Amino acid sequence: MTQGAGQGSEAERTATLRDFRVPAYVHEAGPHPPGTDPEEALGPADRTDPPEGYTPTQRDLPVINRGDTVQVPVGPAASVPAQQPDVRPGALYVVGDVHGYLDELVAALRAEDLIDADGHWCAGTTRLWFLGDFTDRGPDGIGVIDLVMRLSAEAAAAGGYCKALMGNHELLLLGAKRFGDTPVNSGAGTATFQAAWLLNGGQKTDMDRLQDHHLQWMARLDAVEEVNGYLLVHSDTTAYLDFGDSIEAVNDTVRETLTRNDADQCWDLFRKLTRRFSFRDEGGADAVRSLLDTYGGKRIVHGHSPIPYLLGEVGSEDGEDSRDPVVEGPHVYADGLAIAMDGGVTMAGKLLVRELPPPD
């Protein structure tokens, strides 16, 4: 496979189409094109502290330390709150799967004028959502997480925001760190998080640099959000319906599962959010509607399944297809109800950062 633009030489890449493995438990009901991989094989300086001022979720509140001086107005002026300017939300952007390709991410954010030449937020009140899968396969997953954490603080200070969803590879990395080689019931025999993580492109350098604040950040990520009529999820699966009948219920279920020291429950969560292709074939539009009817929104936006797989542009019966995928932008399908954002950066495709149009 020839190298993609900006991707580096073939020898530098950590994964190709033929690196992928297909565990039996990842198949969604229904057919998929011969030779394609329903799960893609399921699968630089260190930072030791989170960025100053960073808060992982909007539910976190500022902390006033002992010794801090707090100025409190007194007199008549105190009873009249200052008029706050009416700041309208900025444009809404989404980012597909990054998988450790930090340089490609920085280039894509720069191309959309979301960060400046020094890598700092310059987009004001813009809203930016990452759809998950920050690590594995690429060379610098921890660098990607550090960047997203820093941008979240910088965007909030500018009146915008930078937020992220839980991907199946975040679940995989959390499980590998927490449970290691502890056997789990995979539904297809005995498995371990550690083995699955390595099989799916786990990078030793990421594990070595993984710190407590990275783990806490990943464990607090939401799984589903609705913004401007768009239902944002990582995986193109209806498995979210197993976790609750509201966005809040789904997110609470995912977080509560991760707080338990139960390898089998965490594996079941990982396994379900690794499923794919629910929206692609016959009945796909109905599958999308089942999620929209339950959680709200007019269209669903997801990552997880590379667009070349959804289009059938890669893969062959003998697995020796050497063509590079052609990805021009997001893929709209399922009667226009689904937007796929994984451009296949791990297979010499493209790391997609795109603005979503205002709601109809």
Protein backbone atom coordinates (compact mmCIF):
# COMPACT_ATOMS: atom_id res chain seq x y z
CA MET A 1 0.00 0.00 0.00
CA THR A 2 1.48 3.34 -0.95
CA GLN A 3 1.80 6.00 1.65
CA GLY A 4 -0.93 8.66 2.05
CA ALA A 5 -0.25 12.36 2.00
CA GLY A 6 1.28 13.50 5.24
CA GLN A 7 1.27 10.00 6.66
CA GLY A 8 5.00 9.17 6.51
CA SER A 9 6.66 6.21 4.90
CA GLU A 10 5.11 2.77 4.83
CA ALA A 11 7.76 1.51 7.27
CA GLU A 12 6.80 4.20 9.79
CA ARG A 13 3.14 3.31 9.91
CA THR A 14 2.04 1.12 12.78
CA ALA A 15 -0.88 -0.56 11.05
CA THR A 16 -1.99 -1.53 7.58
CA LEU A 17 -5.09 -3.26 6.33
CA ARG A 18 -3.34 -6.59 6.64
CA ASP A 19 -2.40 -5.96 10.28
CA PHE A 20 -6.00 -6.25 11.34
CA ARG A 21 -7.58 -9.25 13.04
CA VAL A 22 -11.29 -10.07 13.30
CA PRO A 23 -12.51 -11.53 16.63
CA ALA A 24 -15.80 -13.40 16.19
CA TYR A 25 -17.66 -11.41 18.81
CA VAL A 26 -17.49 -8.08 16.95
CA HIS A 27 -19.79 -8.98 14.07
CA GLU A 28 -23.07 -7.10 13.98
CA ALA A 29 -26.06 -9.02 12.68
CA GLY A 30 -26.25 -8.83 8.91
CA PRO A 31 -23.81 -9.28 6.01
CA HIS A 32 -20.70 -7.26 5.28
CA PRO A 33 -18.59 -7.12 2.12
CA PRO A 34 -16.19 -10.04 1.65
CA GLY A 35 -12.71 -9.34 2.86
CA THR A 36 -13.60 -6.32 4.98
CA ASP A 37 -12.94 -6.18 8.69
CA PRO A 38 -15.98 -5.46 10.84
CA GLU A 39 -13.81 -4.24 13.74
CA GLU A 40 -10.47 -3.37 12.12
CA ALA A 41 -9.15 -6.07 14.39
CA LEU A 42 -10.92 -4.82 17.47
CA GLY A 43 -8.83 -4.81 18.48
CA PRO A 44 7.06 14.61 22.28
CA ALA A 45 7.66 15.21 25.74
CA ASP A 46 5.90 13.49 28.54
CA ARG A 47 3.38 15.35 30.65
CA THR A 48 3.00 14.33 34.24
CA ASP A 49 0.39 16.92 35.21
CA PRO A 50 -2.84 18.07 33.57
CA PRO A 51 -2.90 21.50 31.95
CA GLU A 52 -3.36 24.38 34.34
CA GLY A 53 -7.02 25.19 34.81
CA TYR A 54 -8.24 21.99 33.16
CA THR A 55 -11.53 20.49 34.38
CA PRO A 56 -12.56 17.17 32.80
CA THR A 57 -16.33 17.81 32.76
CA GLN A 58 -18.68 20.73 32.91
CA ARG A 59 -19.95 19.39 36.20
CA ASP A 60 -16.64 20.20 37.89
CA LEU A 61 -16.68 23.47 39.82
CA PRO A 62 -13.85 25.92 40.49
CA VAL A 63 -11.94 25.34 43.71
CA ILE A 64 -10.97 28.18 46.04
CA ASN A 65 -7.89 27.24 48.01
CA ARG A 66 -7.22 28.33 51.57
CA GLY A 67 -5.41 31.63 51.57
CA ASP A 68 -7.02 32.85 48.36
CA THR A 69 -8.52 36.33 48.62
CA VAL A 70 -12.05 36.66 47.31
CA GLN A 71 -13.29 40.17 46.55
CA VAL A 72 -17.00 40.56 47.38
CA PRO A 73 -18.74 43.80 46.38
CA VAL A 74 -20.74 45.56 49.11
CA GLY A 75 -23.31 48.32 49.08
CA PRO A 76 -26.03 49.06 46.50
CA ALA A 77 -23.97 47.86 43.55
CA ALA A 78 -23.88 44.34 44.99
CA SER A 79 -27.62 43.91 44.51
CA VAL A 80 -27.51 44.76 40.79
CA PRO A 81 -25.82 42.03 38.76
CA ALA A 82 -23.70 43.20 35.87
CA GLN A 83 -25.28 42.83 32.45
CA GLN A 84 -23.67 39.88 30.70
CA PRO A 85 -23.09 40.16 26.97
CA ASP A 86 -25.24 37.94 24.77
CA VAL A 87 -22.63 35.56 23.36
CA ARG A 88 -24.03 33.20 20.74
CA PRO A 89 -22.55 29.73 20.38
CA GLY A 90 -19.98 29.47 17.65
CA ALA A 91 -19.77 27.02 14.77
CA LEU A 92 -19.96 23.30 15.55
CA TYR A 93 -17.07 21.07 14.44
CA VAL A 94 -16.51 17.32 14.82
CA VAL A 95 -13.31 15.26 14.62
CA GLY A 96 -13.17 11.63 13.55
CA ASP A 97 -10.96 8.87 14.95
CA VAL A 98 -7.39 10.07 15.60
CA HIS A 99 -5.67 6.84 16.74
CA GLY A 100 -2.43 8.45 17.84
CA TYR A 101 -1.71 10.43 14.67
CA LEU A 102 -0.87 13.66 16.47
CA ASP A 103 0.85 15.41 13.55
CA GLU A 104 -2.10 14.73 11.26
CA LEU A 105 -4.50 16.02 13.92
CA VAL A 106 -2.56 19.25 14.39
CA ALA A 107 -2.46 19.78 10.62
CA ALA A 108 -6.21 19.16 10.28
CA LEU A 109 -7.07 21.55 13.15
CA ARG A 110 -4.77 24.19 11.65
CA ALA A 111 -6.42 23.79 8.25
CA GLU A 112 -9.79 24.66 9.82
CA ASP A 113 -8.29 27.63 11.76
CA LEU A 114 -9.14 26.05 15.10
CA ILE A 115 -5.58 26.30 16.45
CA ASP A 116 -2.74 28.68 15.64
CA ALA A 117 0.79 27.97 14.47
CA ASP A 118 1.85 27.25 18.06
CA GLY A 119 -0.95 24.73 18.56
CA HIS A 120 -3.13 26.93 20.79
CA TRP A 121 -6.88 27.48 20.52
CA CYS A 122 -7.69 30.44 18.27
CA ALA A 123 -11.33 29.71 17.37
CA GLY A 124 -13.10 31.84 19.99
CA THR A 125 -16.62 30.56 20.71
CA THR A 126 -16.37 27.61 18.32
CA ARG A 127 -17.59 24.27 19.66
CA LEU A 128 -15.42 21.24 18.91
CA TRP A 129 -16.33 17.60 19.53
CA PHE A 130 -13.98 14.63 19.27
CA LEU A 131 -15.80 11.37 18.55
CA GLY A 132 -13.38 9.11 20.44
CA ASP A 133 -10.54 6.67 19.72
CA PHE A 134 -7.53 8.84 20.57
CA THR A 135 -4.95 6.07 21.02
CA ASP A 136 -3.68 2.79 19.53
CA ARG A 137 -2.16 2.08 16.11
CA GLY A 138 -0.62 5.53 15.71
CA PRO A 139 2.66 6.77 17.23
CA ASP A 140 1.51 9.24 19.92
CA GLY A 141 -1.83 8.53 21.55
CA ILE A 142 -0.86 10.19 24.83
CA GLY A 143 0.22 13.29 22.94
CA VAL A 144 -3.23 13.39 21.35
CA ILE A 145 -4.93 13.16 24.75
CA ASP A 146 -2.67 15.88 26.17
CA LEU A 147 -3.54 18.16 23.26
CA VAL A 148 -7.29 17.62 23.63
CA MET A 149 -7.12 18.21 27.39
CA ARG A 150 -5.20 21.46 26.89
CA LEU A 151 -7.51 22.68 24.14
CA SER A 152 -10.52 22.04 26.38
CA ALA A 153 -9.15 24.54 28.90
CA GLU A 154 -8.12 27.08 26.26
CA ALA A 155 -11.45 26.88 24.41
CA ALA A 156 -13.44 27.32 27.63
CA ALA A 157 -11.41 30.42 28.50
CA ALA A 158 -12.24 31.86 25.07
CA GLY A 159 -15.98 31.24 25.40
CA GLY A 160 -16.13 28.10 23.25
CA TYR A 161 -15.50 24.49 24.13
CA CYS A 162 -13.59 21.38 23.16
CA LYS A 163 -15.19 18.14 24.32
CA ALA A 164 -14.78 14.43 23.65
CA LEU A 165 -16.77 11.20 23.56
CA MET A 166 -15.84 7.74 24.78
CA GLY A 167 -14.55 5.45 22.04
CA ASN A 168 -14.09 1.71 22.24
CA HIS A 169 -10.31 2.17 22.26
CA GLU A 170 -10.55 4.30 25.40
CA LEU A 171 -12.39 1.40 27.00
CA LEU A 172 -9.72 -0.97 25.70
CA LEU A 173 -6.82 1.06 27.09
CA LEU A 174 -8.56 1.54 30.45
CA GLY A 175 -9.19 -2.20 30.64
CA ALA A 176 -5.61 -3.10 29.69
CA LYS A 177 -4.26 -0.79 32.37
CA ARG A 178 -6.70 -1.87 35.07
CA PHE A 179 -7.15 -5.60 34.41
CA GLY A 180 -4.08 -6.62 32.37
CA ASP A 181 -4.06 -10.38 31.83
CA THR A 182 -7.11 -11.11 33.99
CA PRO A 183 -9.24 -13.60 32.02
CA VAL A 184 -12.66 -12.39 30.89
CA ASN A 185 -15.57 -14.19 29.29
CA SER A 186 -15.48 -12.80 25.76
CA GLY A 187 -18.46 -14.74 24.44
CA ALA A 188 -16.06 -16.63 22.15
CA GLY A 189 -13.79 -18.21 24.74
CA THR A 190 -11.34 -16.73 27.21
CA ALA A 191 -9.75 -13.39 26.44
CA THR A 192 -7.88 -10.62 28.25
CA PHE A 193 -7.88 -6.86 27.87
CA GLN A 194 -4.10 -6.89 27.55
CA ALA A 195 -4.15 -9.32 24.63
CA ALA A 196 -6.98 -7.47 22.90
CA TRP A 197 -5.21 -4.13 23.34
CA LEU A 198 -1.99 -5.44 21.79
CA LEU A 199 -3.93 -7.13 18.99
CA ASN A 200 -5.63 -3.85 18.19
CA GLY A 201 -2.58 -1.66 17.88
CA GLY A 202 -1.77 -0.95 21.50
CA GLN A 203 1.49 1.03 21.75
CA LYS A 204 3.94 0.34 24.57
CA THR A 205 5.03 3.99 24.55
CA ASP A 206 1.44 5.02 25.28
CA MET A 207 1.16 2.60 28.19
CA ASP A 208 4.51 3.76 29.60
CA ARG A 209 3.42 7.42 29.49
CA LEU A 210 -0.12 6.84 30.75
CA GLN A 211 -0.70 8.85 33.95
CA ASP A 212 -3.52 8.96 36.50
CA HIS A 213 -4.95 12.18 35.06
CA HIS A 214 -5.20 10.54 31.62
CA LEU A 215 -7.08 7.60 33.12
CA GLN A 216 -9.44 9.88 35.05
CA TRP A 217 -10.12 11.95 31.94
CA MET A 218 -10.95 8.90 29.83
CA ALA A 219 -13.16 7.33 32.51
CA ARG A 220 -15.26 10.52 32.74
CA LEU A 221 -16.00 10.85 29.03
CA ASP A 222 -19.62 10.76 27.93
CA ALA A 223 -20.75 8.14 25.44
CA VAL A 224 -23.62 10.05 23.81
CA GLU A 225 -24.49 13.72 23.36
CA GLU A 226 -27.05 15.69 21.34
CA VAL A 227 -25.97 19.07 19.98
CA ASN A 228 -27.83 21.28 17.50
CA GLY A 229 -30.00 18.43 16.32
CA TYR A 230 -27.03 16.08 15.85
CA LEU A 231 -26.80 12.92 17.94
CA LEU A 232 -23.08 12.36 18.51
CA VAL A 233 -21.80 8.84 19.22
CA HIS A 234 -18.59 6.97 18.59
CA SER A 235 -19.84 3.64 17.25
CA ASP A 236 -22.29 2.94 14.44
CA THR A 237 -24.25 0.48 16.54
CA THR A 238 -27.61 0.30 18.28
CA ALA A 239 -25.93 -1.19 21.38
CA TYR A 240 -26.31 2.17 23.14
CA LEU A 241 -29.97 1.23 23.61
CA ASP A 242 -28.82 -1.50 26.03
CA PHE A 243 -27.53 1.14 28.45
CA GLY A 244 -30.58 3.35 28.95
CA ASP A 245 -33.51 5.16 27.35
CA SER A 246 -32.05 8.64 27.74
CA ILE A 247 -28.70 10.28 27.08
CA GLU A 248 -28.18 10.84 30.79
CA ALA A 249 -28.97 7.20 31.57
CA VAL A 250 -26.51 5.91 28.95
CA ASN A 251 -23.70 8.14 30.18
CA ASP A 252 -24.39 7.24 33.81
CA THR A 253 -24.39 3.51 32.99
CA VAL A 254 -21.06 3.73 31.19
CA ARG A 255 -19.41 5.70 34.01
CA GLU A 256 -20.84 3.46 36.73
CA THR A 257 -19.63 0.35 34.91
CA LEU A 258 -16.12 1.77 34.76
CA THR A 259 -16.11 2.51 38.49
CA ARG A 260 -16.68 -1.15 39.32
CA ASN A 261 -13.70 -3.45 39.62
CA ASP A 262 -15.39 -6.06 37.44
CA ALA A 263 -13.43 -7.15 34.37
CA ASP A 264 -16.35 -9.06 32.83
CA GLN A 265 -18.73 -6.07 33.03
CA CYS A 266 -16.13 -3.74 31.54
CA TRP A 267 -15.44 -6.26 28.78
CA ASP A 268 -19.15 -6.50 27.98
CA LEU A 269 -19.27 -2.70 27.68
CA PHE A 270 -16.22 -2.72 25.41
CA ARG A 271 -17.60 -5.58 23.32
CA LYS A 272 -20.94 -3.88 22.71
CA LEU A 273 -19.41 -0.53 21.75
CA THR A 274 -17.08 -2.32 19.33
CA ARG A 275 -19.96 -3.49 17.14
CA ARG A 276 -20.43 -1.72 13.83
CA PHE A 277 -22.28 -1.42 10.51
CA SER A 278 -25.77 -1.19 12.08
CA PHE A 279 -26.65 1.75 9.81
CA ARG A 280 -25.12 0.58 6.56
CA ASP A 281 -27.23 -2.04 4.83
CA GLU A 282 -30.93 -2.77 4.48
CA GLY A 283 -32.70 -1.57 7.60
CA GLY A 284 -29.87 0.83 8.41
CA ALA A 285 -32.08 3.91 8.30
CA ASP A 286 -34.52 2.26 10.70
CA ALA A 287 -31.63 1.48 13.06
CA VAL A 288 -30.63 5.16 13.01
CA ARG A 289 -34.22 6.19 13.68
CA SER A 290 -34.38 3.90 16.70
CA LEU A 291 -31.56 5.90 18.27
CA LEU A 292 -32.90 9.29 17.20
CA ASP A 293 -36.38 8.46 18.50
CA THR A 294 -34.91 7.44 21.86
CA TYR A 295 -32.23 10.07 22.42
CA GLY A 296 -33.29 12.97 20.20
CA GLY A 297 -31.70 14.66 17.24
CA LYS A 298 -32.39 14.70 13.51
CA ARG A 299 -29.17 13.04 12.29
CA ILE A 300 -26.53 10.85 13.87
CA VAL A 301 -22.79 11.55 13.59
CA HIS A 302 -20.34 8.74 14.32
CA GLY A 303 -16.76 7.55 13.95
CA HIS A 304 -15.52 3.97 14.52
CA SER A 305 -16.14 2.40 11.09
CA PRO A 306 -13.70 3.75 8.48
CA ILE A 307 -15.45 5.29 5.51
CA PRO A 308 -13.50 3.07 3.06
CA TYR A 309 -15.11 0.03 4.72
CA LEU A 310 -18.57 1.59 4.59
CA LEU A 311 -18.09 2.27 0.87
CA GLY A 312 -16.53 -1.12 0.11
CA GLU A 313 -13.43 0.60 -1.34
CA VAL A 314 -10.92 -1.63 0.45
CA GLY A 315 -10.59 -5.32 1.13
CA SER A 316 -10.58 -8.33 -1.16
CA GLU A 317 -11.19 -12.06 -0.91
CA ASP A 318 -7.47 -12.79 -0.59
CA GLY A 319 -6.73 -9.76 1.60
CA GLU A 320 -4.03 -8.54 -0.80
CA ASP A 321 -5.71 -5.39 -2.11
CA SER A 322 -2.95 -2.77 -2.34
CA ARG A 323 -5.14 0.23 -3.22
CA ASP A 324 -5.10 3.24 -0.94
CA PRO A 325 -8.58 4.37 0.08
CA VAL A 326 -9.94 7.60 -1.35
CA VAL A 327 -11.67 9.75 1.27
CA GLU A 328 -12.78 13.22 0.25
CA GLY A 329 -14.87 14.00 3.33
CA PRO A 330 -17.60 12.70 5.64
CA HIS A 331 -19.88 9.98 4.28
CA VAL A 332 -23.63 10.68 4.45
CA TYR A 333 -25.81 7.57 4.20
CA ALA A 334 -28.84 5.73 5.69
CA ASP A 335 -31.35 7.95 3.86
CA GLY A 336 -29.27 10.98 4.84
CA LEU A 337 -29.70 10.28 8.55
CA ALA A 338 -26.12 9.15 9.32
CA ILE A 339 -22.81 10.96 8.89
CA ALA A 340 -19.61 8.89 9.15
CA MET A 341 -16.47 10.75 10.26
CA ASP A 342 -13.73 8.09 10.45
CA GLY A 343 -11.66 8.87 7.36
CA GLY A 344 -9.33 5.91 7.89
CA VAL A 345 -6.16 7.70 8.98
CA THR A 346 -4.70 4.35 10.08
CA MET A 347 -4.92 3.04 6.51
CA ALA A 348 -3.47 6.05 4.66
CA GLY A 349 -6.88 7.68 4.49
CA LYS A 350 -7.67 11.06 6.01
CA LEU A 351 -8.16 12.48 9.49
CA LEU A 352 -11.41 14.40 9.19
CA VAL A 353 -12.20 17.68 10.97
CA ARG A 354 -15.40 19.21 9.61
CA GLU A 355 -17.95 21.86 10.48
CA LEU A 356 -21.52 20.63 10.79
CA PRO A 357 -24.08 22.90 9.13
CA PRO A 358 -26.65 24.68 11.33
CA PRO A 359 -29.81 22.68 12.08
CA ASP A 360 -32.57 22.75 9.46
